[in-house]
Amino acid sequence: MARQEVLLGPTPPDFSVVICESVVKRNVGGPEVMRAQLGALLLHGARETTILQVLPLSAEPHGLMDCPMSILTPPDGVPVIYTEVTNQGR
């Protein structure tokens, strides 16, 4: 929740995300939870500083299927890439 506050604050960072179509189709937690999750995606996706894309299930396999990647650009402008898998991140 604290991370979401950063995105919803008065000076949010630019934020771009690609999520798999399965994320919005798979029923996790029941209808109320899914409604809240989809509502949050719509809220964030409507912001000028956010780009939200959905990768269709029909997309070809790609190198990041098993490993999310974050690219962070701090004020000094030197990007940092972070990847994470079960029990490990670099």
N, C-alpha and C. Protein backbone atom coordinates (compact mmCIF):
# COMPACT_ATOMS: atom_id res chain seq x y z
N MET A 1 0.83 -1.19 0.00
CA MET A 1 0.00 0.00 0.00
C MET A 1 0.87 1.26 0.00
N ALA A 2 2.02 1.21 0.69
CA ALA A 2 2.90 2.38 0.72
C ALA A 2 3.43 2.69 -0.68
N ARG A 3 3.71 1.66 -1.46
CA ARG A 3 4.19 1.89 -2.82
C ARG A 3 3.12 2.57 -3.66
N GLN A 4 1.86 2.20 -3.46
CA GLN A 4 0.79 2.84 -4.21
C GLN A 4 0.66 4.31 -3.84
N GLU A 5 0.94 4.66 -2.60
CA GLU A 5 0.85 6.06 -2.18
C GLU A 5 1.83 6.91 -2.98
N VAL A 6 3.00 6.36 -3.29
CA VAL A 6 3.98 7.10 -4.09
C VAL A 6 3.41 7.40 -5.48
N LEU A 7 2.73 6.42 -6.06
CA LEU A 7 2.17 6.60 -7.40
C LEU A 7 0.97 7.54 -7.42
N LEU A 8 0.28 7.67 -6.29
CA LEU A 8 -0.92 8.51 -6.23
C LEU A 8 -0.65 9.88 -5.62
N GLY A 9 0.58 10.15 -5.22
CA GLY A 9 0.92 11.41 -4.57
C GLY A 9 0.89 12.58 -5.53
N PRO A 10 1.20 13.77 -5.02
CA PRO A 10 1.13 14.98 -5.83
C PRO A 10 2.18 15.05 -6.94
N THR A 11 3.32 14.37 -6.78
CA THR A 11 4.36 14.36 -7.81
C THR A 11 4.80 12.91 -8.07
N PRO A 12 3.91 12.14 -8.70
CA PRO A 12 4.24 10.73 -8.92
C PRO A 12 5.34 10.55 -9.97
N PRO A 13 6.11 9.49 -9.85
CA PRO A 13 7.11 9.21 -10.88
C PRO A 13 6.43 8.68 -12.14
N ASP A 14 7.15 8.76 -13.25
CA ASP A 14 6.65 8.10 -14.46
C ASP A 14 6.67 6.60 -14.18
N PHE A 15 5.64 5.90 -14.62
CA PHE A 15 5.49 4.48 -14.31
C PHE A 15 4.94 3.77 -15.52
N SER A 16 5.67 2.79 -16.01
CA SER A 16 5.24 2.01 -17.16
C SER A 16 5.27 0.54 -16.77
N VAL A 17 4.19 -0.18 -17.06
CA VAL A 17 4.11 -1.58 -16.68
C VAL A 17 3.41 -2.38 -17.77
N VAL A 18 3.89 -3.60 -17.97
CA VAL A 18 3.23 -4.56 -18.86
C VAL A 18 2.82 -5.74 -18.01
N ILE A 19 1.54 -6.06 -18.02
CA ILE A 19 1.05 -7.21 -17.26
C ILE A 19 0.48 -8.24 -18.23
N CYS A 20 0.54 -9.49 -17.83
CA CYS A 20 0.00 -10.56 -18.65
C CYS A 20 -1.53 -10.53 -18.58
N GLU A 21 -2.16 -10.87 -19.67
CA GLU A 21 -3.62 -10.93 -19.72
C GLU A 21 -4.18 -11.83 -18.63
N SER A 22 -3.44 -12.88 -18.26
CA SER A 22 -3.92 -13.80 -17.22
C SER A 22 -4.13 -13.09 -15.88
N VAL A 23 -3.40 -12.00 -15.66
CA VAL A 23 -3.54 -11.25 -14.40
C VAL A 23 -4.94 -10.67 -14.25
N VAL A 24 -5.52 -10.24 -15.35
CA VAL A 24 -6.86 -9.65 -15.28
C VAL A 24 -7.97 -10.68 -15.48
N LYS A 25 -7.61 -11.87 -15.95
CA LYS A 25 -8.63 -12.90 -16.18
C LYS A 25 -8.74 -13.93 -15.05
N ARG A 26 -7.62 -14.20 -14.37
CA ARG A 26 -7.63 -15.23 -13.34
C ARG A 26 -8.33 -14.71 -12.09
N ASN A 27 -9.34 -15.43 -11.63
CA ASN A 27 -10.12 -15.03 -10.47
C ASN A 27 -9.37 -15.41 -9.19
N VAL A 28 -8.77 -14.41 -8.56
CA VAL A 28 -8.03 -14.62 -7.32
C VAL A 28 -8.73 -13.84 -6.21
N GLY A 29 -9.19 -14.54 -5.19
CA GLY A 29 -9.81 -13.86 -4.06
C GLY A 29 -11.30 -13.62 -4.18
N GLY A 30 -11.90 -13.98 -5.29
CA GLY A 30 -13.33 -13.80 -5.45
C GLY A 30 -13.69 -12.50 -6.17
N PRO A 31 -14.96 -12.32 -6.48
CA PRO A 31 -15.40 -11.17 -7.27
C PRO A 31 -15.09 -9.80 -6.64
N GLU A 32 -15.25 -9.69 -5.33
CA GLU A 32 -14.99 -8.39 -4.68
C GLU A 32 -13.52 -8.00 -4.78
N VAL A 33 -12.65 -8.96 -4.54
CA VAL A 33 -11.20 -8.70 -4.62
C VAL A 33 -10.82 -8.35 -6.05
N MET A 34 -11.33 -9.11 -7.01
CA MET A 34 -11.02 -8.83 -8.41
C MET A 34 -11.54 -7.47 -8.83
N ARG A 35 -12.72 -7.11 -8.39
CA ARG A 35 -13.30 -5.79 -8.71
C ARG A 35 -12.38 -4.68 -8.17
N ALA A 36 -11.90 -4.86 -6.95
CA ALA A 36 -11.00 -3.86 -6.36
C ALA A 36 -9.68 -3.79 -7.12
N GLN A 37 -9.13 -4.96 -7.48
CA GLN A 37 -7.86 -4.99 -8.21
C GLN A 37 -8.00 -4.34 -9.59
N LEU A 38 -9.06 -4.68 -10.30
CA LEU A 38 -9.27 -4.08 -11.62
C LEU A 38 -9.54 -2.59 -11.51
N GLY A 39 -10.25 -2.18 -10.46
CA GLY A 39 -10.47 -0.76 -10.22
C GLY A 39 -9.17 -0.02 -9.99
N ALA A 40 -8.26 -0.64 -9.24
CA ALA A 40 -6.95 -0.03 -8.99
C ALA A 40 -6.16 0.10 -10.29
N LEU A 41 -6.21 -0.92 -11.13
CA LEU A 41 -5.52 -0.84 -12.43
C LEU A 41 -6.09 0.29 -13.27
N LEU A 42 -7.40 0.41 -13.29
CA LEU A 42 -8.03 1.49 -14.06
C LEU A 42 -7.64 2.86 -13.51
N LEU A 43 -7.60 2.98 -12.19
CA LEU A 43 -7.22 4.24 -11.55
C LEU A 43 -5.80 4.63 -11.95
N HIS A 44 -4.88 3.68 -11.80
CA HIS A 44 -3.48 3.97 -12.13
C HIS A 44 -3.30 4.20 -13.62
N GLY A 45 -3.97 3.40 -14.44
CA GLY A 45 -3.83 3.51 -15.89
C GLY A 45 -4.35 4.82 -16.46
N ALA A 46 -5.23 5.48 -15.74
CA ALA A 46 -5.80 6.75 -16.21
C ALA A 46 -4.90 7.94 -15.91
N ARG A 47 -3.88 7.74 -15.12
CA ARG A 47 -2.98 8.85 -14.76
C ARG A 47 -2.04 9.19 -15.91
N GLU A 48 -1.72 10.47 -16.07
CA GLU A 48 -0.84 10.92 -17.15
C GLU A 48 0.57 10.37 -17.02
N THR A 49 0.98 10.04 -15.81
CA THR A 49 2.34 9.56 -15.58
C THR A 49 2.47 8.05 -15.68
N THR A 50 1.38 7.37 -16.03
CA THR A 50 1.37 5.91 -16.07
C THR A 50 1.05 5.39 -17.46
N ILE A 51 1.82 4.38 -17.86
CA ILE A 51 1.51 3.62 -19.06
C ILE A 51 1.26 2.20 -18.61
N LEU A 52 0.06 1.70 -18.82
CA LEU A 52 -0.33 0.35 -18.43
C LEU A 52 -0.70 -0.41 -19.69
N GLN A 53 0.03 -1.51 -19.95
CA GLN A 53 -0.22 -2.32 -21.14
C GLN A 53 -0.51 -3.76 -20.71
N VAL A 54 -1.35 -4.43 -21.49
CA VAL A 54 -1.68 -5.83 -21.22
C VAL A 54 -1.13 -6.67 -22.36
N LEU A 55 -0.27 -7.63 -22.02
CA LEU A 55 0.30 -8.54 -23.01
C LEU A 55 -0.69 -9.68 -23.23
N PRO A 56 -1.19 -9.86 -24.45
CA PRO A 56 -2.19 -10.90 -24.68
C PRO A 56 -1.61 -12.31 -24.50
N LEU A 57 -2.48 -13.21 -24.09
CA LEU A 57 -2.07 -14.61 -23.92
C LEU A 57 -1.58 -15.20 -25.24
N SER A 58 -2.01 -14.66 -26.36
CA SER A 58 -1.60 -15.15 -27.67
C SER A 58 -0.18 -14.71 -28.05
N ALA A 59 0.47 -13.88 -27.25
CA ALA A 59 1.81 -13.39 -27.56
C ALA A 59 2.81 -14.55 -27.54
N GLU A 60 3.82 -14.42 -28.37
CA GLU A 60 4.88 -15.43 -28.43
C GLU A 60 5.69 -15.44 -27.13
N PRO A 61 6.35 -16.54 -26.82
CA PRO A 61 7.22 -16.60 -25.64
C PRO A 61 8.30 -15.51 -25.70
N HIS A 62 8.73 -15.03 -24.55
CA HIS A 62 9.74 -13.98 -24.50
C HIS A 62 10.66 -14.22 -23.30
N GLY A 63 11.76 -13.52 -23.27
CA GLY A 63 12.80 -13.73 -22.27
C GLY A 63 12.44 -13.36 -20.85
N LEU A 64 11.39 -12.60 -20.66
CA LEU A 64 11.01 -12.19 -19.30
C LEU A 64 9.77 -12.91 -18.79
N MET A 65 9.43 -14.04 -19.38
CA MET A 65 8.22 -14.75 -18.95
C MET A 65 8.30 -15.20 -17.50
N ASP A 66 9.46 -15.64 -17.05
CA ASP A 66 9.59 -16.16 -15.69
C ASP A 66 10.23 -15.18 -14.73
N CYS A 67 10.49 -13.96 -15.18
CA CYS A 67 11.29 -13.05 -14.37
C CYS A 67 10.87 -11.61 -14.61
N PRO A 68 10.15 -11.00 -13.67
CA PRO A 68 9.81 -9.60 -13.86
C PRO A 68 11.07 -8.73 -13.84
N MET A 69 11.03 -7.63 -14.56
CA MET A 69 12.16 -6.71 -14.61
C MET A 69 11.66 -5.30 -14.31
N SER A 70 12.39 -4.61 -13.46
CA SER A 70 12.09 -3.21 -13.16
C SER A 70 13.28 -2.37 -13.62
N ILE A 71 12.99 -1.27 -14.29
CA ILE A 71 14.03 -0.31 -14.67
C ILE A 71 13.73 0.96 -13.89
N LEU A 72 14.63 1.31 -13.00
CA LEU A 72 14.47 2.50 -12.16
C LEU A 72 15.47 3.55 -12.61
N THR A 73 15.02 4.78 -12.77
CA THR A 73 15.91 5.87 -13.14
C THR A 73 15.90 6.91 -12.03
N PRO A 74 16.94 6.91 -11.19
CA PRO A 74 17.02 7.87 -10.09
C PRO A 74 17.36 9.28 -10.61
N PRO A 75 17.36 10.26 -9.73
CA PRO A 75 17.61 11.65 -10.16
C PRO A 75 18.92 11.85 -10.91
N ASP A 76 19.95 11.02 -10.64
CA ASP A 76 21.22 11.20 -11.36
C ASP A 76 21.13 10.71 -12.81
N GLY A 77 20.01 10.07 -13.18
CA GLY A 77 19.77 9.68 -14.55
C GLY A 77 20.40 8.37 -14.99
N VAL A 78 21.08 7.65 -14.10
CA VAL A 78 21.70 6.37 -14.45
C VAL A 78 20.71 5.25 -14.12
N PRO A 79 20.17 4.58 -15.15
CA PRO A 79 19.17 3.54 -14.91
C PRO A 79 19.73 2.34 -14.14
N VAL A 80 18.88 1.76 -13.31
CA VAL A 80 19.21 0.55 -12.57
C VAL A 80 18.15 -0.48 -12.96
N ILE A 81 18.59 -1.69 -13.32
CA ILE A 81 17.67 -2.75 -13.69
C ILE A 81 17.65 -3.77 -12.55
N TYR A 82 16.46 -4.15 -12.14
CA TYR A 82 16.28 -5.13 -11.06
C TYR A 82 15.40 -6.26 -11.57
N THR A 83 15.89 -7.50 -11.41
CA THR A 83 15.08 -8.67 -11.76
C THR A 83 14.86 -9.50 -10.51
N GLU A 84 13.78 -10.23 -10.52
CA GLU A 84 13.41 -11.01 -9.33
C GLU A 84 12.80 -12.33 -9.73
N VAL A 85 13.27 -13.40 -9.10
CA VAL A 85 12.68 -14.72 -9.24
C VAL A 85 12.45 -15.26 -7.82
N THR A 86 11.86 -16.42 -7.69
CA THR A 86 11.57 -16.97 -6.38
C THR A 86 12.84 -17.01 -5.54
N ASN A 87 12.81 -16.37 -4.38
CA ASN A 87 13.89 -16.36 -3.40
C ASN A 87 15.18 -15.69 -3.88
N GLN A 88 15.12 -14.87 -4.92
CA GLN A 88 16.34 -14.24 -5.41
C GLN A 88 16.01 -12.98 -6.20
N GLY A 89 16.82 -11.98 -6.05
CA GLY A 89 16.69 -10.76 -6.85
C GLY A 89 18.05 -10.18 -7.12
N ARG A 90 18.22 -9.54 -8.27
CA ARG A 90 19.48 -8.86 -8.57
C ARG A 90 19.24 -7.64 -9.43
